[in-house]
């Protein structure tokens, strides 16, 4: 199915992008919360890295038509939707409107893709 291929590529790209973004921010020492809120940012980073890894695994499982692929996709995309909404609030507070809008767009695209997969899986479409 075309939508499953699109969903797979989307989740893999988002997962890889999240991983790279956080690794670059950490390497460039652009995460001030490591000093100001170390416990909070530690758990946030764990959640972000888990989300990115599960996005990649879910995308691979979906594109390879594995029995666990759709389930993993739903778990991963749910984590990503939460993450993008949470990050949009962060960037909205900073008045970083380009990043805020980008994250809102990612949220809506994720919801659209998820809705289409649900409709296909339950044979509504």
PDB file of N, CA and C in Angstrom:
ATOM      1  N   UNK A   1       0.827  -1.182   0.000  1.00  0.00           N
ATOM      2  CA  UNK A   1       0.000   0.000   0.000  1.00  0.00           C
ATOM      3  C   UNK A   1       0.876   1.252   0.000  1.00  0.00           C
ATOM      4  N   UNK A   2       0.464   2.229  -0.752  1.00  0.00           N
ATOM      5  CA  UNK A   2       1.223   3.472  -0.893  1.00  0.00           C
ATOM      6  C   UNK A   2       1.295   4.218   0.440  1.00  0.00           C
ATOM      7  N   UNK A   3       0.175   4.321   1.152  1.00  0.00           N
ATOM      8  CA  UNK A   3       0.174   5.072   2.422  1.00  0.00           C
ATOM      9  C   UNK A   3       1.104   4.424   3.448  1.00  0.00           C
ATOM     10  N   UNK A   4       1.208   3.101   3.437  1.00  0.00           N
ATOM     11  CA  UNK A   4       2.118   2.434   4.375  1.00  0.00           C
ATOM     12  C   UNK A   4       3.574   2.729   4.042  1.00  0.00           C
ATOM     13  N   UNK A   5       3.886   2.822   2.761  1.00  0.00           N
ATOM     14  CA  UNK A   5       5.250   3.175   2.358  1.00  0.00           C
ATOM     15  C   UNK A   5       5.542   4.616   2.765  1.00  0.00           C
ATOM     16  N   UNK A   6       4.590   5.518   2.519  1.00  0.00           N
ATOM     17  CA  UNK A   6       4.760   6.921   2.916  1.00  0.00           C
ATOM     18  C   UNK A   6       4.913   7.016   4.433  1.00  0.00           C
ATOM     19  N   UNK A   7       4.055   6.303   5.180  1.00  0.00           N
ATOM     20  CA  UNK A   7       4.127   6.324   6.645  1.00  0.00           C
ATOM     21  C   UNK A   7       5.461   5.780   7.136  1.00  0.00           C
ATOM     22  N   UNK A   8       5.946   4.728   6.493  1.00  0.00           N
ATOM     23  CA  UNK A   8       7.230   4.134   6.873  1.00  0.00           C
ATOM     24  C   UNK A   8       8.373   5.113   6.676  1.00  0.00           C
ATOM     25  N   UNK A   9       8.419   5.698   5.493  1.00  0.00           N
ATOM     26  CA  UNK A   9       9.480   6.667   5.192  1.00  0.00           C
ATOM     27  C   UNK A   9       9.392   7.851   6.141  1.00  0.00           C
ATOM     28  N   UNK A  10       8.183   8.338   6.367  1.00  0.00           N
ATOM     29  CA  UNK A  10       7.957   9.483   7.263  1.00  0.00           C
ATOM     30  C   UNK A  10       8.480   9.185   8.664  1.00  0.00           C
ATOM     31  N   UNK A  11       8.106   8.030   9.222  1.00  0.00           N
ATOM     32  CA  UNK A  11       8.531   7.733  10.592  1.00  0.00           C
ATOM     33  C   UNK A  11      10.042   7.494  10.680  1.00  0.00           C
ATOM     34  N   UNK A  12      10.608   6.848   9.684  1.00  0.00           N
ATOM     35  CA  UNK A  12      12.059   6.624   9.699  1.00  0.00           C
ATOM     36  C   UNK A  12      12.803   7.954   9.614  1.00  0.00           C
ATOM     37  N   UNK A  13      12.354   8.839   8.710  1.00  0.00           N
ATOM     38  CA  UNK A  13      13.006  10.150   8.554  1.00  0.00           C
ATOM     39  C   UNK A  13      12.870  10.978   9.826  1.00  0.00           C
ATOM     40  N   UNK A  14      11.674  11.009  10.408  1.00  0.00           N
ATOM     41  CA  UNK A  14      11.474  11.764  11.652  1.00  0.00           C
ATOM     42  C   UNK A  14      12.354  11.186  12.762  1.00  0.00           C
ATOM     43  N   UNK A  15      12.409   9.866  12.867  1.00  0.00           N
ATOM     44  CA  UNK A  15      13.238   9.231  13.901  1.00  0.00           C
ATOM     45  C   UNK A  15      14.713   9.565  13.744  1.00  0.00           C
ATOM     46  N   UNK A  16      15.213   9.465  12.530  1.00  0.00           N
ATOM     47  CA  UNK A  16      16.621   9.778  12.276  1.00  0.00           C
ATOM     48  C   UNK A  16      16.893  11.259  12.536  1.00  0.00           C
ATOM     49  N   UNK A  17      15.969  12.117  12.097  1.00  0.00           N
ATOM     50  CA  UNK A  17      16.129  13.562  12.295  1.00  0.00           C
ATOM     51  C   UNK A  17      16.168  13.911  13.784  1.00  0.00           C
ATOM     52  N   UNK A  18      15.287  13.299  14.570  1.00  0.00           N
ATOM     53  CA  UNK A  18      15.289  13.552  16.017  1.00  0.00           C
ATOM     54  C   UNK A  18      16.619  13.140  16.636  1.00  0.00           C
ATOM     55  N   UNK A  19      17.090  11.953  16.265  1.00  0.00           N
ATOM     56  CA  UNK A  19      18.375  11.471  16.797  1.00  0.00           C
ATOM     57  C   UNK A  19      19.504  12.438  16.463  1.00  0.00           C
ATOM     58  N   UNK A  20      19.594  12.807  15.202  1.00  0.00           N
ATOM     59  CA  UNK A  20      20.671  13.705  14.762  1.00  0.00           C
ATOM     60  C   UNK A  20      20.565  15.060  15.459  1.00  0.00           C
ATOM     61  N   UNK A  21      19.340  15.608  15.538  1.00  0.00           N
ATOM     62  CA  UNK A  21      19.161  16.920  16.167  1.00  0.00           C
ATOM     63  C   UNK A  21      19.665  16.905  17.614  1.00  0.00           C
ATOM     64  N   UNK A  22      19.249  15.901  18.387  1.00  0.00           N
ATOM     65  CA  UNK A  22      19.660  15.852  19.788  1.00  0.00           C
ATOM     66  C   UNK A  22      21.156  15.584  19.932  1.00  0.00           C
ATOM     67  N   UNK A  23      21.705  14.727  19.089  1.00  0.00           N
ATOM     68  CA  UNK A  23      23.145  14.468  19.164  1.00  0.00           C
ATOM     69  C   UNK A  23      23.938  15.731  18.843  1.00  0.00           C
ATOM     70  N   UNK A  24      23.494  16.479  17.829  1.00  0.00           N
ATOM     71  CA  UNK A  24      24.185  17.736  17.490  1.00  0.00           C
ATOM     72  C   UNK A  24      24.058  18.763  18.614  1.00  0.00           C
ATOM     73  N   UNK A  25      22.863  18.904  19.169  1.00  0.00           N
ATOM     74  CA  UNK A  25      22.679  19.850  20.282  1.00  0.00           C
ATOM     75  C   UNK A  25      23.561  19.480  21.470  1.00  0.00           C
ATOM     76  N   UNK A  26      23.647  18.208  21.776  1.00  0.00           N
ATOM     77  CA  UNK A  26      24.481  17.762  22.900  1.00  0.00           C
ATOM     78  C   UNK A  26      25.964  17.964  22.602  1.00  0.00           C
ATOM     79  N   UNK A  27      26.393  17.635  21.384  1.00  0.00           N
ATOM     80  CA  UNK A  27      27.804  17.797  21.025  1.00  0.00           C
ATOM     81  C   UNK A  27      28.219  19.266  21.004  1.00  0.00           C
ATOM     82  N   UNK A  28      27.297  20.145  20.577  1.00  0.00           N
ATOM     83  CA  UNK A  28      27.591  21.575  20.527  1.00  0.00           C
ATOM     84  C   UNK A  28      27.348  22.258  21.873  1.00  0.00           C
ATOM     85  N   UNK A  29      26.964  21.458  22.869  1.00  0.00           N
ATOM     86  CA  UNK A  29      26.698  21.963  24.224  1.00  0.00           C
ATOM     87  C   UNK A  29      25.623  23.054  24.218  1.00  0.00           C
ATOM     88  N   UNK A  30      24.560  22.809  23.438  1.00  0.00           N
ATOM     89  CA  UNK A  30      23.468  23.766  23.330  1.00  0.00           C
ATOM     90  C   UNK A  30      22.225  23.300  24.096  1.00  0.00           C
ATOM     91  N   UNK A  31      22.462  22.571  25.174  1.00  0.00           N
ATOM     92  CA  UNK A  31      21.359  22.129  26.029  1.00  0.00           C
ATOM     93  C   UNK A  31      21.652  22.653  27.435  1.00  0.00           C
ATOM     94  N   UNK A  32      21.299  23.937  27.701  1.00  0.00           N
ATOM     95  CA  UNK A  32      21.638  24.543  28.987  1.00  0.00           C
ATOM     96  C   UNK A  32      20.974  23.842  30.176  1.00  0.00           C
ATOM     97  N   UNK A  33      19.876  23.127  29.912  1.00  0.00           N
ATOM     98  CA  UNK A  33      19.179  22.415  30.994  1.00  0.00           C
ATOM     99  C   UNK A  33      20.047  21.316  31.620  1.00  0.00           C
ATOM    100  N   UNK A  34      21.109  20.905  30.942  1.00  0.00           N
ATOM    101  CA  UNK A  34      22.024  19.921  31.528  1.00  0.00           C
ATOM    102  C   UNK A  34      22.626  20.454  32.828  1.00  0.00           C
ATOM    103  N   UNK A  35      22.768  21.781  32.909  1.00  0.00           N
ATOM    104  CA  UNK A  35      23.295  22.403  34.123  1.00  0.00           C
ATOM    105  C   UNK A  35      22.179  22.926  35.025  1.00  0.00           C
ATOM    106  N   UNK A  36      21.119  23.467  34.427  1.00  0.00           N
ATOM    107  CA  UNK A  36      20.075  24.108  35.228  1.00  0.00           C
ATOM    108  C   UNK A  36      18.990  23.142  35.713  1.00  0.00           C
ATOM    109  N   UNK A  37      18.687  22.127  34.914  1.00  0.00           N
ATOM    110  CA  UNK A  37      17.639  21.149  35.261  1.00  0.00           C
ATOM    111  C   UNK A  37      18.091  19.751  34.839  1.00  0.00           C
ATOM    112  N   UNK A  38      19.177  19.240  35.431  1.00  0.00           N
ATOM    113  CA  UNK A  38      19.769  17.991  34.938  1.00  0.00           C
ATOM    114  C   UNK A  38      18.844  16.770  35.012  1.00  0.00           C
ATOM    115  N   UNK A  39      18.076  16.638  36.073  1.00  0.00           N
ATOM    116  CA  UNK A  39      17.196  15.468  36.194  1.00  0.00           C
ATOM    117  C   UNK A  39      16.083  15.542  35.157  1.00  0.00           C
ATOM    118  N   UNK A  40      15.471  16.717  35.039  1.00  0.00           N
ATOM    119  CA  UNK A  40      14.375  16.895  34.087  1.00  0.00           C
ATOM    120  C   UNK A  40      14.840  16.639  32.657  1.00  0.00           C
ATOM    121  N   UNK A  41      15.980  17.200  32.267  1.00  0.00           N
ATOM    122  CA  UNK A  41      16.448  17.044  30.893  1.00  0.00           C
ATOM    123  C   UNK A  41      16.917  15.611  30.642  1.00  0.00           C
ATOM    124  N   UNK A  42      17.446  14.937  31.662  1.00  0.00           N
ATOM    125  CA  UNK A  42      17.845  13.536  31.493  1.00  0.00           C
ATOM    126  C   UNK A  42      16.637  12.701  31.077  1.00  0.00           C
ATOM    127  N   UNK A  43      15.540  12.837  31.802  1.00  0.00           N
ATOM    128  CA  UNK A  43      14.350  12.051  31.480  1.00  0.00           C
ATOM    129  C   UNK A  43      13.739  12.498  30.149  1.00  0.00           C
ATOM    130  N   UNK A  44      13.821  13.777  29.849  1.00  0.00           N
ATOM    131  CA  UNK A  44      13.339  14.266  28.561  1.00  0.00           C
ATOM    132  C   UNK A  44      14.159  13.651  27.421  1.00  0.00           C
ATOM    133  N   UNK A  45      15.476  13.617  27.597  1.00  0.00           N
ATOM    134  CA  UNK A  45      16.339  13.028  26.570  1.00  0.00           C
ATOM    135  C   UNK A  45      16.083  11.534  26.404  1.00  0.00           C
ATOM    136  N   UNK A  46      15.862  10.837  27.502  1.00  0.00           N
ATOM    137  CA  UNK A  46      15.525   9.407  27.412  1.00  0.00           C
ATOM    138  C   UNK A  46      14.257   9.241  26.574  1.00  0.00           C
ATOM    139  N   UNK A  47      13.237  10.060  26.854  1.00  0.00           N
ATOM    140  CA  UNK A  47      11.978   9.981  26.097  1.00  0.00           C
ATOM    141  C   UNK A  47      12.201  10.302  24.616  1.00  0.00           C
ATOM    142  N   UNK A  48      13.001  11.314  24.329  1.00  0.00           N
ATOM    143  CA  UNK A  48      13.262  11.697  22.939  1.00  0.00           C
ATOM    144  C   UNK A  48      14.037  10.613  22.192  1.00  0.00           C
ATOM    145  N   UNK A  49      15.060  10.045  22.832  1.00  0.00           N
ATOM    146  CA  UNK A  49      15.836   8.994  22.173  1.00  0.00           C
ATOM    147  C   UNK A  49      15.003   7.729  21.984  1.00  0.00           C
ATOM    148  N   UNK A  50      14.190   7.363  22.978  1.00  0.00           N
ATOM    149  CA  UNK A  50      13.303   6.211  22.817  1.00  0.00           C
ATOM    150  C   UNK A  50      12.307   6.440  21.684  1.00  0.00           C
ATOM    151  N   UNK A  51      11.757   7.639  21.632  1.00  0.00           N
ATOM    152  CA  UNK A  51      10.813   7.964  20.563  1.00  0.00           C
ATOM    153  C   UNK A  51      11.481   7.811  19.201  1.00  0.00           C
ATOM    154  N   UNK A  52      12.663   8.363  19.056  1.00  0.00           N
ATOM    155  CA  UNK A  52      13.337   8.299  17.753  1.00  0.00           C
ATOM    156  C   UNK A  52      13.679   6.859  17.370  1.00  0.00           C
ATOM    157  N   UNK A  53      14.133   6.076  18.309  1.00  0.00           N
ATOM    158  CA  UNK A  53      14.485   4.680  18.019  1.00  0.00           C
ATOM    159  C   UNK A  53      13.236   3.870  17.663  1.00  0.00           C
ATOM    160  N   UNK A  54      12.156   4.076  18.406  1.00  0.00           N
ATOM    161  CA  UNK A  54      10.922   3.341  18.128  1.00  0.00           C
ATOM    162  C   UNK A  54      10.305   3.796  16.802  1.00  0.00           C
ATOM    163  N   UNK A  55      10.450   5.089  16.456  1.00  0.00           N
ATOM    164  CA  UNK A  55      10.002   5.548  15.139  1.00  0.00           C
ATOM    165  C   UNK A  55      10.731   4.802  14.021  1.00  0.00           C
ATOM    166  N   UNK A  56      12.031   4.672  14.163  1.00  0.00           N
ATOM    167  CA  UNK A  56      12.831   3.984  13.139  1.00  0.00           C
ATOM    168  C   UNK A  56      12.436   2.513  13.057  1.00  0.00           C
ATOM    169  N   UNK A  57      12.345   1.851  14.194  1.00  0.00           N
ATOM    170  CA  UNK A  57      11.973   0.432  14.220  1.00  0.00           C
ATOM    171  C   UNK A  57      10.555   0.239  13.670  1.00  0.00           C
ATOM    172  N   UNK A  58       9.630   1.093  14.092  1.00  0.00           N
ATOM    173  CA  UNK A  58       8.255   0.992  13.610  1.00  0.00           C
ATOM    174  C   UNK A  58       8.162   1.209  12.107  1.00  0.00           C
ATOM    175  N   UNK A  59       8.900   2.177  11.595  1.00  0.00           N
ATOM    176  CA  UNK A  59       8.909   2.426  10.156  1.00  0.00           C
ATOM    177  C   UNK A  59       9.465   1.254   9.375  1.00  0.00           C
ATOM    178  N   UNK A  60      10.529   0.657   9.882  1.00  0.00           N
ATOM    179  CA  UNK A  60      11.117  -0.516   9.231  1.00  0.00           C
ATOM    180  C   UNK A  60      10.140  -1.687   9.272  1.00  0.00           C
ATOM    181  N   UNK A  61       9.524  -1.912  10.440  1.00  0.00           N
ATOM    182  CA  UNK A  61       8.557  -3.003  10.562  1.00  0.00           C
ATOM    183  C   UNK A  61       7.370  -2.829   9.638  1.00  0.00           C
ATOM    184  N   UNK A  62       6.907  -1.597   9.483  1.00  0.00           N
ATOM    185  CA  UNK A  62       5.760  -1.305   8.620  1.00  0.00           C
ATOM    186  C   UNK A  62       6.112  -1.536   7.155  1.00  0.00           C
ATOM    187  N   UNK A  63       7.259  -1.012   6.718  1.00  0.00           N
ATOM    188  CA  UNK A  63       7.646  -1.155   5.313  1.00  0.00           C
ATOM    189  C   UNK A  63       7.984  -2.604   4.964  1.00  0.00           C
ATOM    190  N   UNK A  64       8.451  -3.375   5.948  1.00  0.00           N
ATOM    191  CA  UNK A  64       8.771  -4.780   5.703  1.00  0.00           C
ATOM    192  C   UNK A  64       7.556  -5.687   5.910  1.00  0.00           C
ATOM    193  N   UNK A  65       6.415  -5.072   6.191  1.00  0.00           N
ATOM    194  CA  UNK A  65       5.159  -5.789   6.364  1.00  0.00           C
ATOM    195  C   UNK A  65       5.246  -6.871   7.454  1.00  0.00           C
ATOM    196  N   UNK A  66       5.929  -6.541   8.539  1.00  0.00           N
ATOM    197  CA  UNK A  66       6.044  -7.454   9.664  1.00  0.00           C
ATOM    198  C   UNK A  66       4.745  -7.433  10.479  1.00  0.00           C
ATOM    199  N   UNK A  67       4.428  -8.523  11.133  1.00  0.00           N
ATOM    200  CA  UNK A  67       3.184  -8.604  11.899  1.00  0.00           C
ATOM    201  C   UNK A  67       3.152  -7.552  13.015  1.00  0.00           C
ATOM    202  N   UNK A  68       4.287  -7.206  13.557  1.00  0.00           N
ATOM    203  CA  UNK A  68       4.366  -6.228  14.638  1.00  0.00           C
ATOM    204  C   UNK A  68       4.524  -4.796  14.121  1.00  0.00           C
ATOM    205  N   UNK A  69       4.684  -4.637  12.818  1.00  0.00           N
ATOM    206  CA  UNK A  69       4.987  -3.332  12.240  1.00  0.00           C
ATOM    207  C   UNK A  69       3.916  -2.279  12.474  1.00  0.00           C
ATOM    208  N   UNK A  70       2.651  -2.652  12.267  1.00  0.00           N
ATOM    209  CA  UNK A  70       1.573  -1.673  12.436  1.00  0.00           C
ATOM    210  C   UNK A  70       1.450  -1.269  13.904  1.00  0.00           C
ATOM    211  N   UNK A  71       1.539  -2.246  14.797  1.00  0.00           N
ATOM    212  CA  UNK A  71       1.454  -1.944  16.232  1.00  0.00           C
ATOM    213  C   UNK A  71       2.586  -1.019  16.649  1.00  0.00           C
ATOM    214  N   UNK A  72       3.790  -1.333  16.215  1.00  0.00           N
ATOM    215  CA  UNK A  72       4.942  -0.499  16.562  1.00  0.00           C
ATOM    216  C   UNK A  72       4.798   0.890  15.947  1.00  0.00           C
ATOM    217  N   UNK A  73       4.260   0.951  14.731  1.00  0.00           N
ATOM    218  CA  UNK A  73       4.012   2.247  14.098  1.00  0.00           C
ATOM    219  C   UNK A  73       3.090   3.097  14.967  1.00  0.00           C
ATOM    220  N   UNK A  74       1.984   2.512  15.436  1.00  0.00           N
ATOM    221  CA  UNK A  74       1.029   3.274  16.247  1.00  0.00           C
ATOM    222  C   UNK A  74       1.651   3.760  17.559  1.00  0.00           C
ATOM    223  N   UNK A  75       2.446   2.905  18.186  1.00  0.00           N
ATOM    224  CA  UNK A  75       3.128   3.318  19.421  1.00  0.00           C
ATOM    225  C   UNK A  75       4.079   4.478  19.114  1.00  0.00           C
ATOM    226  N   UNK A  76       4.874   4.313  18.062  1.00  0.00           N
ATOM    227  CA  UNK A  76       5.883   5.316  17.698  1.00  0.00           C
ATOM    228  C   UNK A  76       5.247   6.644  17.301  1.00  0.00           C
ATOM    229  N   UNK A  77       4.216   6.588  16.481  1.00  0.00           N
ATOM    230  CA  UNK A  77       3.614   7.839  16.010  1.00  0.00           C
ATOM    231  C   UNK A  77       2.902   8.543  17.156  1.00  0.00           C
ATOM    232  N   UNK A  78       2.333   7.786  18.086  1.00  0.00           N
ATOM    233  CA  UNK A  78       1.739   8.404  19.273  1.00  0.00           C
ATOM    234  C   UNK A  78       2.783   9.142  20.094  1.00  0.00           C
ATOM    235  N   UNK A  79       3.939   8.509  20.261  1.00  0.00           N
ATOM    236  CA  UNK A  79       5.038   9.159  20.979  1.00  0.00           C
ATOM    237  C   UNK A  79       5.486  10.418  20.243  1.00  0.00           C
ATOM    238  N   UNK A  80       5.564  10.340  18.919  1.00  0.00           N
ATOM    239  CA  UNK A  80       5.998  11.490  18.124  1.00  0.00           C
ATOM    240  C   UNK A  80       4.988  12.637  18.189  1.00  0.00           C
ATOM    241  N   UNK A  81       3.705  12.297  18.151  1.00  0.00           N
ATOM    242  CA  UNK A  81       2.681  13.341  18.239  1.00  0.00           C
ATOM    243  C   UNK A  81       2.781  14.058  19.583  1.00  0.00           C
ATOM    244  N   UNK A  82       2.925  13.300  20.654  1.00  0.00           N
ATOM    245  CA  UNK A  82       3.103  13.927  21.966  1.00  0.00           C
ATOM    246  C   UNK A  82       4.341  14.827  21.955  1.00  0.00           C
ATOM    247  N   UNK A  83       5.429  14.310  21.402  1.00  0.00           N
ATOM    248  CA  UNK A  83       6.693  15.048  21.382  1.00  0.00           C
ATOM    249  C   UNK A  83       6.579  16.352  20.596  1.00  0.00           C
ATOM    250  N   UNK A  84       5.909  16.313  19.438  1.00  0.00           N
ATOM    251  CA  UNK A  84       5.805  17.534  18.633  1.00  0.00           C
ATOM    252  C   UNK A  84       4.889  18.563  19.290  1.00  0.00           C
ATOM    253  N   UNK A  85       3.826  18.104  19.937  1.00  0.00           N
ATOM    254  CA  UNK A  85       2.953  19.040  20.650  1.00  0.00           C
ATOM    255  C   UNK A  85       3.708  19.683  21.816  1.00  0.00           C
ATOM    256  N   UNK A  86       4.435  18.871  22.556  1.00  0.00           N
ATOM    257  CA  UNK A  86       5.215  19.366  23.688  1.00  0.00           C
ATOM    258  C   UNK A  86       6.277  20.366  23.218  1.00  0.00           C
ATOM    259  N   UNK A  87       6.985  20.020  22.153  1.00  0.00           N
ATOM    260  CA  UNK A  87       8.031  20.905  21.634  1.00  0.00           C
ATOM    261  C   UNK A  87       7.437  22.198  21.067  1.00  0.00           C
ATOM    262  N   UNK A  88       6.252  22.101  20.457  1.00  0.00           N
ATOM    263  CA  UNK A  88       5.597  23.310  19.940  1.00  0.00           C
ATOM    264  C   UNK A  88       5.326  24.290  21.080  1.00  0.00           C
ATOM    265  N   UNK A  89       4.919  23.786  22.222  1.00  0.00           N
ATOM    266  CA  UNK A  89       4.707  24.652  23.387  1.00  0.00           C
ATOM    267  C   UNK A  89       5.993  25.325  23.819  1.00  0.00           C
ATOM    268  N   UNK A  90       7.083  24.568  23.814  1.00  0.00           N
ATOM    269  CA  UNK A  90       8.388  25.110  24.190  1.00  0.00           C
ATOM    270  C   UNK A  90       8.793  26.248  23.250  1.00  0.00           C
ATOM    271  N   UNK A  91       8.710  25.982  21.928  1.00  0.00           N
ATOM    272  CA  UNK A  91       9.124  26.993  20.957  1.00  0.00           C
ATOM    273  C   UNK A  91       8.130  28.147  20.866  1.00  0.00           C
ATOM    274  N   UNK A  92       6.851  27.876  21.128  1.00  0.00           N
ATOM    275  CA  UNK A  92       5.867  28.949  21.176  1.00  0.00           C
ATOM    276  C   UNK A  92       6.173  29.909  22.316  1.00  0.00           C
ATOM    277  N   UNK A  93       6.567  29.357  23.458  1.00  0.00           N
ATOM    278  CA  UNK A  93       6.935  30.184  24.609  1.00  0.00           C
ATOM    279  C   UNK A  93       8.122  31.085  24.282  1.00  0.00           C
ATOM    280  N   UNK A  94       9.047  30.564  23.468  1.00  0.00           N
ATOM    281  CA  UNK A  94      10.220  31.354  23.045  1.00  0.00           C
ATOM    282  C   UNK A  94       9.895  32.314  21.900  1.00  0.00           C
ATOM    283  N   UNK A  95       8.681  32.226  21.387  1.00  0.00           N
ATOM    284  CA  UNK A  95       8.246  33.023  20.234  1.00  0.00           C
ATOM    285  C   UNK A  95       9.086  32.726  18.987  1.00  0.00           C
ATOM    286  N   UNK A  96       9.533  31.481  18.888  1.00  0.00           N
ATOM    287  CA  UNK A  96      10.249  31.008  17.705  1.00  0.00           C
ATOM    288  C   UNK A  96       9.195  30.459  16.750  1.00  0.00           C
ATOM    289  N   UNK A  97       8.543  31.374  16.014  1.00  0.00           N
ATOM    290  CA  UNK A  97       7.379  31.014  15.207  1.00  0.00           C
ATOM    291  C   UNK A  97       7.681  30.054  14.068  1.00  0.00           C
ATOM    292  N   UNK A  98       8.822  30.160  13.376  1.00  0.00           N
ATOM    293  CA  UNK A  98       9.090  29.164  12.316  1.00  0.00           C
ATOM    294  C   UNK A  98       9.156  27.730  12.869  1.00  0.00           C
ATOM    295  N   UNK A  99       9.825  27.558  13.992  1.00  0.00           N
ATOM    296  CA  UNK A  99       9.913  26.216  14.584  1.00  0.00           C
ATOM    297  C   UNK A  99       8.544  25.785  15.110  1.00  0.00           C
ATOM    298  N   UNK A 100       7.816  26.703  15.729  1.00  0.00           N
ATOM    299  CA  UNK A 100       6.473  26.416  16.236  1.00  0.00           C
ATOM    300  C   UNK A 100       5.571  25.921  15.102  1.00  0.00           C
ATOM    301  N   UNK A 101       5.560  26.639  13.983  1.00  0.00           N
ATOM    302  CA  UNK A 101       4.712  26.267  12.842  1.00  0.00           C
ATOM    303  C   UNK A 101       5.156  24.924  12.264  1.00  0.00           C
ATOM    304  N   UNK A 102       6.459  24.708  12.154  1.00  0.00           N
ATOM    305  CA  UNK A 102       6.976  23.435  11.650  1.00  0.00           C
ATOM    306  C   UNK A 102       6.473  22.275  12.499  1.00  0.00           C
ATOM    307  N   UNK A 103       6.538  22.437  13.812  1.00  0.00           N
ATOM    308  CA  UNK A 103       6.099  21.362  14.710  1.00  0.00           C
ATOM    309  C   UNK A 103       4.594  21.128  14.629  1.00  0.00           C
ATOM    310  N   UNK A 104       3.821  22.186  14.475  1.00  0.00           N
ATOM    311  CA  UNK A 104       2.375  22.036  14.315  1.00  0.00           C
ATOM    312  C   UNK A 104       2.071  21.298  13.011  1.00  0.00           C
ATOM    313  N   UNK A 105       2.795  21.628  11.945  1.00  0.00           N
ATOM    314  CA  UNK A 105       2.612  20.930  10.667  1.00  0.00           C
ATOM    315  C   UNK A 105       2.945  19.446  10.827  1.00  0.00           C
ATOM    316  N   UNK A 106       4.070  19.133  11.497  1.00  0.00           N
ATOM    317  CA  UNK A 106       4.421  17.731  11.742  1.00  0.00           C
ATOM    318  C   UNK A 106       3.327  17.020  12.532  1.00  0.00           C
ATOM    319  N   UNK A 107       2.744  17.700  13.499  1.00  0.00           N
ATOM    320  CA  UNK A 107       1.673  17.103  14.291  1.00  0.00           C
ATOM    321  C   UNK A 107       0.489  16.750  13.392  1.00  0.00           C
ATOM    322  N   UNK A 108       0.064  17.694  12.560  1.00  0.00           N
ATOM    323  CA  UNK A 108      -1.081  17.439  11.687  1.00  0.00           C
ATOM    324  C   UNK A 108      -0.788  16.366  10.641  1.00  0.00           C
ATOM    325  N   UNK A 109       0.417  16.365  10.081  1.00  0.00           N
ATOM    326  CA  UNK A 109       0.792  15.329   9.110  1.00  0.00           C
ATOM    327  C   UNK A 109       0.778  13.965   9.794  1.00  0.00           C
ATOM    328  N   UNK A 110       1.319  13.902  11.006  1.00  0.00           N
ATOM    329  CA  UNK A 110       1.315  12.636  11.757  1.00  0.00           C
ATOM    330  C   UNK A 110      -0.101  12.156  12.023  1.00  0.00           C
ATOM    331  N   UNK A 111      -0.988  13.078  12.400  1.00  0.00           N
ATOM    332  CA  UNK A 111      -2.384  12.713  12.653  1.00  0.00           C
ATOM    333  C   UNK A 111      -3.076  12.257  11.367  1.00  0.00           C
ATOM    334  N   UNK A 112      -2.789  12.912  10.264  1.00  0.00           N
ATOM    335  CA  UNK A 112      -3.387  12.529   8.983  1.00  0.00           C
ATOM    336  C   UNK A 112      -2.933  11.131   8.563  1.00  0.00           C
ATOM    337  N   UNK A 113      -1.627  10.893   8.615  1.00  0.00           N
ATOM    338  CA  UNK A 113      -1.089   9.583   8.234  1.00  0.00           C
ATOM    339  C   UNK A 113      -1.651   8.495   9.150  1.00  0.00           C
ATOM    340  N   UNK A 114      -1.700   8.783  10.436  1.00  0.00           N
ATOM    341  CA  UNK A 114      -2.226   7.807  11.385  1.00  0.00           C
ATOM    342  C   UNK A 114      -3.691   7.498  11.090  1.00  0.00           C
ATOM    343  N   UNK A 115      -4.469   8.522  10.821  1.00  0.00           N
ATOM    344  CA  UNK A 115      -5.884   8.321  10.502  1.00  0.00           C
ATOM    345  C   UNK A 115      -6.050   7.456   9.259  1.00  0.00           C
ATOM    346  N   UNK A 116      -5.250   7.710   8.236  1.00  0.00           N
ATOM    347  CA  UNK A 116      -5.334   6.915   7.014  1.00  0.00           C
ATOM    348  C   UNK A 116      -4.961   5.452   7.268  1.00  0.00           C
ATOM    349  N   UNK A 117      -3.921   5.229   8.055  1.00  0.00           N
ATOM    350  CA  UNK A 117      -3.518   3.857   8.374  1.00  0.00           C
ATOM    351  C   UNK A 117      -4.636   3.151   9.143  1.00  0.00           C
ATOM    352  N   UNK A 118      -5.254   3.843  10.091  1.00  0.00           N
ATOM    353  CA  UNK A 118      -6.366   3.251  10.855  1.00  0.00           C
ATOM    354  C   UNK A 118      -7.507   2.883   9.911  1.00  0.00           C
ATOM    355  N   UNK A 119      -7.871   3.794   9.016  1.00  0.00           N
ATOM    356  CA  UNK A 119      -8.959   3.523   8.076  1.00  0.00           C
ATOM    357  C   UNK A 119      -8.645   2.331   7.178  1.00  0.00           C
ATOM    358  N   UNK A 120      -7.387   2.198   6.781  1.00  0.00           N
ATOM    359  CA  UNK A 120      -6.988   1.061   5.951  1.00  0.00           C
ATOM    360  C   UNK A 120      -6.974  -0.226   6.773  1.00  0.00           C
ATOM    361  N   UNK A 121      -6.390  -0.174   7.959  1.00  0.00           N
ATOM    362  CA  UNK A 121      -6.297  -1.375   8.800  1.00  0.00           C
ATOM    363  C   UNK A 121      -7.673  -1.922   9.174  1.00  0.00           C
ATOM    364  N   UNK A 122      -8.630  -1.035   9.396  1.00  0.00           N
ATOM    365  CA  UNK A 122      -9.977  -1.476   9.748  1.00  0.00           C
ATOM    366  C   UNK A 122     -10.873  -1.572   8.514  1.00  0.00           C
ATOM    367  N   UNK A 123     -10.242  -1.543   7.347  1.00  0.00           N
ATOM    368  CA  UNK A 123     -10.880  -1.739   6.058  1.00  0.00           C
ATOM    369  C   UNK A 123     -12.068  -0.802   5.816  1.00  0.00           C
ATOM    370  N   UNK A 124     -11.917   0.433   6.282  1.00  0.00           N
ATOM    371  CA  UNK A 124     -12.923   1.455   6.012  1.00  0.00           C
ATOM    372  C   UNK A 124     -12.675   2.025   4.619  1.00  0.00           C
ATOM    373  N   UNK A 125     -11.413   2.124   4.232  1.00  0.00           N
ATOM    374  CA  UNK A 125     -11.050   2.601   2.881  1.00  0.00           C
ATOM    375  C   UNK A 125     -10.718   1.438   1.987  1.00  0.00           C
TER     376      UNK A 125
END
